[in-house]
Amino acid sequence: MNDAAQREVIFRAEGLTKVYTMGDVQVQALRGIDLELRGGEFVVMLGPSGSGKSTLLNILGGLDTPTDGHVWYHGEDLTHAGDAELTRFRREHVGFVFQFYNLIPSLTARENVAIVTEIAPHPMPPEDALALVGLAERLDHFPAQLSGGEQQRVAIARAIAKRPVVMLCDEPTGALDSATGVRVLEALERVNREMGTTTVVITHNADIARMAERVLWMQDGRIVREQLNQQRIAARELHW
């Protein structure tokens, strides 16, 4: 963990602001965010609803654009990228995991993952991605035949099958009980360790922060605190 400062900067954000206009009302979601994310980091971002966590994640992942400020990915300014460039960036470099799994009910686990491998430039076989998240025996099961935690792990397998540089996870355990959530976090932990994927998990759950290399707290659109964990806890040791 002491070598974190020596790793390559993957993302750099400066002065990110985001203002949403709803009729006559303006909502300031981000208020000048400065941030660096480095290669292979496991970062947990905490904060209440409305603190700007999801907005920041969406801007980093190219799903949204800032009102002001800049975000660089490997030195390239994403802020002024066009739709085609952002689509390519998301497709080739970023894996997303959300609270809800968004699996296609009529497709098996293998087929749900294969959808991504068909559009990625250097994908891993769906079977390998599913094995990495502990679902080697569930390849041909449909989502309705899988538990919530298993469905979320299929979603993680789908995200990692394109070999992303970055995994952005928005409340990945939000719909799960503690034991099931831990299995999902173990899958993310393994992907981070074995693939070297820079991983950001946003959550309301402060216990999850114990497994992070670095913890960021957000409030009112700002990063208000940052902490390096000198003693990280393995995901299997978490409970809430």
Protein backbone atom coordinates (compact mmCIF):
# COMPACT_ATOMS: atom_id res chain seq x y z
CA MET A 1 0.00 0.00 0.00
CA ASN A 2 2.95 2.31 0.52
CA ASP A 3 3.66 2.14 -3.21
CA ALA A 4 0.30 3.75 -4.03
CA ALA A 5 1.91 7.12 -4.72
CA GLN A 6 4.24 5.46 -7.25
CA ARG A 7 1.42 4.06 -9.38
CA GLU A 8 0.26 5.65 -12.58
CA VAL A 9 -2.56 8.17 -12.29
CA ILE A 10 -5.55 6.73 -14.18
CA PHE A 11 -8.03 9.55 -13.57
CA ARG A 12 -7.39 13.16 -12.63
CA ALA A 13 -10.26 15.54 -11.98
CA GLU A 14 -9.93 19.26 -11.35
CA GLY A 15 -12.68 21.64 -10.31
CA LEU A 16 -15.55 19.37 -11.35
CA THR A 17 -18.94 20.96 -10.91
CA LYS A 18 -22.34 19.71 -11.99
CA VAL A 19 -25.52 21.74 -11.95
CA TYR A 20 -28.88 20.24 -12.90
CA THR A 21 -31.65 22.62 -13.93
CA MET A 22 -35.18 21.51 -13.07
CA GLY A 23 -37.59 24.16 -14.23
CA ASP A 24 -36.70 27.31 -12.32
CA VAL A 25 -34.63 25.39 -9.77
CA GLN A 26 -30.91 24.72 -10.03
CA VAL A 27 -29.46 21.80 -8.10
CA GLN A 28 -25.69 21.82 -7.55
CA ALA A 29 -24.67 18.16 -7.43
CA LEU A 30 -20.88 18.71 -7.47
CA ARG A 31 -19.08 21.77 -6.12
CA GLY A 32 -15.49 21.73 -7.32
CA ILE A 33 -14.12 18.18 -7.02
CA ASP A 34 -10.38 17.55 -7.24
CA LEU A 35 -9.45 13.86 -7.37
CA GLU A 36 -6.79 11.40 -8.51
CA LEU A 37 -7.32 7.66 -8.94
CA ARG A 38 -4.29 5.44 -9.44
CA GLY A 39 -3.73 2.11 -11.10
CA GLY A 40 -4.96 -0.90 -9.11
CA GLU A 41 -6.46 1.12 -6.26
CA PHE A 42 -9.50 -0.11 -4.34
CA VAL A 43 -11.37 3.03 -3.28
CA VAL A 44 -14.61 3.23 -1.29
CA MET A 45 -16.63 6.43 -1.48
CA LEU A 46 -19.04 7.14 1.38
CA GLY A 47 -21.71 9.77 1.81
CA PRO A 48 -25.43 10.29 2.28
CA SER A 49 -27.95 10.34 -0.55
CA GLY A 50 -27.61 13.55 -2.51
CA SER A 51 -23.94 14.04 -1.64
CA GLY A 52 -22.87 13.69 -5.29
CA LYS A 53 -21.35 10.19 -5.26
CA SER A 54 -23.29 8.81 -8.22
CA THR A 55 -22.90 12.03 -10.21
CA LEU A 56 -19.12 11.89 -9.77
CA LEU A 57 -19.02 8.21 -10.73
CA ASN A 58 -21.12 8.85 -13.84
CA ILE A 59 -18.81 11.67 -14.96
CA LEU A 60 -15.70 9.53 -14.44
CA GLY A 61 -17.35 6.73 -16.43
CA GLY A 62 -18.38 8.95 -19.32
CA LEU A 63 -22.11 8.55 -18.63
CA ASP A 64 -22.47 12.26 -17.81
CA THR A 65 -20.50 15.45 -18.44
CA PRO A 66 -19.56 18.16 -15.95
CA THR A 67 -20.93 21.68 -16.04
CA ASP A 68 -17.43 22.97 -15.39
CA GLY A 69 -13.97 21.57 -14.64
CA HIS A 70 -12.00 18.81 -16.31
CA VAL A 71 -11.49 15.08 -16.02
CA TRP A 72 -8.52 13.33 -17.65
CA TYR A 73 -8.21 9.61 -18.30
CA HIS A 74 -4.59 8.55 -18.92
CA GLY A 75 -3.90 12.20 -19.72
CA GLU A 76 -6.71 12.55 -22.27
CA ASP A 77 -9.31 15.21 -21.49
CA LEU A 78 -12.72 13.54 -21.48
CA THR A 79 -14.50 16.80 -20.78
CA HIS A 80 -14.73 17.79 -24.43
CA ALA A 81 -15.05 14.30 -25.90
CA GLY A 82 -17.93 13.74 -28.28
CA ASP A 83 -20.58 11.04 -27.95
CA ALA A 84 -18.70 8.58 -30.16
CA GLU A 85 -15.47 9.03 -28.17
CA LEU A 86 -17.29 8.58 -24.85
CA THR A 87 -19.04 5.48 -26.14
CA ARG A 88 -15.70 3.98 -27.16
CA PHE A 89 -14.18 4.96 -23.81
CA ARG A 90 -16.99 3.23 -21.88
CA ARG A 91 -16.90 0.16 -24.12
CA GLU A 92 -13.16 -0.39 -24.03
CA HIS A 93 -12.01 0.85 -20.63
CA VAL A 94 -14.79 0.94 -18.00
CA GLY A 95 -16.81 -1.77 -16.28
CA PHE A 96 -19.99 -0.65 -14.52
CA VAL A 97 -21.83 -2.43 -11.70
CA PHE A 98 -25.06 -0.93 -10.39
CA GLN A 99 -27.40 -1.73 -7.52
CA PHE A 100 -29.81 -3.45 -9.89
CA TYR A 101 -28.39 -6.18 -12.07
CA ASN A 102 -29.98 -5.34 -15.45
CA LEU A 103 -29.66 -8.90 -16.71
CA ILE A 104 -31.71 -10.04 -19.69
CA PRO A 105 -34.19 -12.62 -18.29
CA SER A 106 -34.35 -14.72 -21.46
CA LEU A 107 -30.57 -15.25 -21.59
CA THR A 108 -28.42 -17.58 -19.49
CA ALA A 109 -25.58 -16.30 -17.30
CA ARG A 110 -23.13 -17.19 -20.07
CA GLU A 111 -25.20 -15.40 -22.71
CA ASN A 112 -25.64 -12.29 -20.55
CA VAL A 113 -21.86 -12.02 -20.26
CA ALA A 114 -21.31 -12.85 -23.94
CA ILE A 115 -23.25 -9.73 -24.98
CA VAL A 116 -20.34 -7.62 -23.77
CA THR A 117 -17.62 -9.85 -25.22
CA GLU A 118 -19.09 -9.38 -28.69
CA ILE A 119 -18.40 -5.62 -28.63
CA ALA A 120 -15.15 -5.49 -26.64
CA PRO A 121 -11.78 -5.42 -28.47
CA HIS A 122 -9.94 -7.91 -26.23
CA PRO A 123 -12.55 -9.83 -24.20
CA MET A 124 -12.07 -12.82 -21.97
CA PRO A 125 -14.28 -15.87 -22.57
CA PRO A 126 -17.59 -15.58 -20.66
CA GLU A 127 -16.79 -18.87 -18.91
CA ASP A 128 -13.56 -17.40 -17.52
CA ALA A 129 -15.28 -14.25 -16.31
CA LEU A 130 -17.97 -16.28 -14.54
CA ALA A 131 -15.38 -18.56 -12.97
CA LEU A 132 -13.55 -15.51 -11.61
CA VAL A 133 -16.68 -14.53 -9.64
CA GLY A 134 -17.34 -18.09 -8.46
CA LEU A 135 -20.10 -19.06 -10.87
CA ALA A 136 -18.40 -21.70 -12.99
CA GLU A 137 -21.21 -24.14 -12.16
CA ARG A 138 -24.03 -21.72 -13.08
CA LEU A 139 -23.18 -20.91 -16.70
CA ASP A 140 -26.43 -22.16 -18.18
CA HIS A 141 -28.82 -20.90 -15.52
CA PHE A 142 -31.26 -18.11 -16.30
CA PRO A 143 -31.51 -15.06 -13.98
CA ALA A 144 -34.77 -16.39 -12.47
CA GLN A 145 -32.86 -19.52 -11.37
CA LEU A 146 -30.19 -17.45 -9.57
CA SER A 147 -30.24 -15.72 -6.20
CA GLY A 148 -29.86 -11.95 -5.99
CA GLY A 149 -26.20 -12.27 -5.06
CA GLU A 150 -25.57 -14.66 -7.94
CA GLN A 151 -27.27 -12.28 -10.35
CA GLN A 152 -25.06 -9.45 -9.11
CA ARG A 153 -21.98 -11.62 -9.62
CA VAL A 154 -23.13 -12.29 -13.20
CA ALA A 155 -23.32 -8.50 -13.60
CA ILE A 156 -19.74 -8.24 -12.30
CA ALA A 157 -18.63 -10.98 -14.69
CA ARG A 158 -20.29 -9.10 -17.54
CA ALA A 159 -18.39 -5.94 -16.52
CA ILE A 160 -14.98 -7.62 -16.24
CA ALA A 161 -15.28 -9.71 -19.41
CA LYS A 162 -14.10 -6.77 -21.48
CA ARG A 163 -10.97 -6.52 -19.29
CA PRO A 164 -11.66 -2.97 -18.09
CA VAL A 165 -8.96 -0.74 -16.65
CA VAL A 166 -11.53 0.71 -14.22
CA MET A 167 -14.49 -0.79 -12.36
CA LEU A 168 -17.10 1.73 -11.17
CA CYS A 169 -19.60 0.22 -8.74
CA ASP A 170 -22.66 2.15 -7.54
CA GLU A 171 -24.18 0.55 -4.42
CA PRO A 172 -23.38 -2.99 -5.64
CA THR A 173 -24.60 -4.53 -2.34
CA GLY A 174 -27.50 -2.11 -1.80
CA ALA A 175 -30.21 -4.66 -2.58
CA LEU A 176 -28.54 -7.56 -0.76
CA ASP A 177 -28.38 -8.92 2.77
CA SER A 178 -25.05 -8.94 4.61
CA ALA A 179 -23.93 -12.50 3.81
CA THR A 180 -24.84 -12.16 0.14
CA GLY A 181 -23.26 -8.72 -0.07
CA VAL A 182 -19.99 -10.10 1.28
CA ARG A 183 -19.89 -12.68 -1.53
CA VAL A 184 -20.31 -9.87 -4.05
CA LEU A 185 -17.54 -7.83 -2.39
CA GLU A 186 -15.28 -10.88 -2.42
CA ALA A 187 -15.79 -11.08 -6.18
CA LEU A 188 -14.84 -7.40 -6.59
CA GLU A 189 -11.85 -7.90 -4.29
CA ARG A 190 -10.63 -10.82 -6.39
CA VAL A 191 -11.03 -8.91 -9.65
CA ASN A 192 -9.06 -6.00 -8.19
CA ARG A 193 -6.31 -8.30 -6.95
CA GLU A 194 -5.98 -10.62 -9.95
CA MET A 195 -6.69 -8.21 -12.81
CA GLY A 196 -5.23 -5.04 -11.28
CA THR A 197 -8.41 -3.18 -12.08
CA THR A 198 -8.78 0.24 -10.44
CA THR A 199 -12.00 -0.22 -8.45
CA VAL A 200 -14.30 2.43 -6.99
CA VAL A 201 -17.25 1.35 -4.84
CA ILE A 202 -19.79 3.91 -3.67
CA THR A 203 -21.97 2.93 -0.76
CA HIS A 204 -23.92 4.15 2.27
CA ASN A 205 -22.40 1.29 4.27
CA ALA A 206 -19.45 2.48 6.35
CA ASP A 207 -18.41 -1.11 7.19
CA ILE A 208 -17.45 -1.70 3.54
CA ALA A 209 -14.85 1.07 3.85
CA ARG A 210 -12.74 -1.25 6.02
CA MET A 211 -11.76 -3.30 2.94
CA ALA A 212 -10.65 -0.25 0.95
CA GLU A 213 -7.16 0.94 0.31
CA ARG A 214 -8.44 4.53 0.38
CA VAL A 215 -11.72 5.99 1.66
CA LEU A 216 -13.30 9.22 0.45
CA TRP A 217 -16.21 10.91 2.22
CA MET A 218 -18.56 13.12 0.21
CA GLN A 219 -21.00 15.70 1.49
CA ASP A 220 -22.92 18.42 -0.34
CA GLY A 221 -21.08 17.84 -3.60
CA ARG A 222 -17.59 17.96 -2.10
CA ILE A 223 -14.96 15.48 -0.95
CA VAL A 224 -14.70 16.48 2.70
CA ARG A 225 -12.33 13.82 4.02
CA GLU A 226 -9.87 11.21 2.81
CA GLN A 227 -8.21 8.33 4.64
CA LEU A 228 -5.70 5.62 3.80
CA ASN A 229 -6.41 2.33 5.54
CA GLN A 230 -3.19 1.04 7.07
CA GLN A 231 -4.97 -2.20 8.05
CA ARG A 232 -7.34 -3.45 5.36
CA ILE A 233 -9.98 -6.06 6.21
CA ALA A 234 -10.68 -8.91 3.78
CA ALA A 235 -14.22 -8.84 2.41
CA ARG A 236 -14.99 -12.21 4.02
CA GLU A 237 -14.41 -10.66 7.47
CA LEU A 238 -17.05 -7.95 6.95
CA HIS A 239 -20.54 -8.12 8.41
CA TRP A 240 -23.25 -5.57 8.95
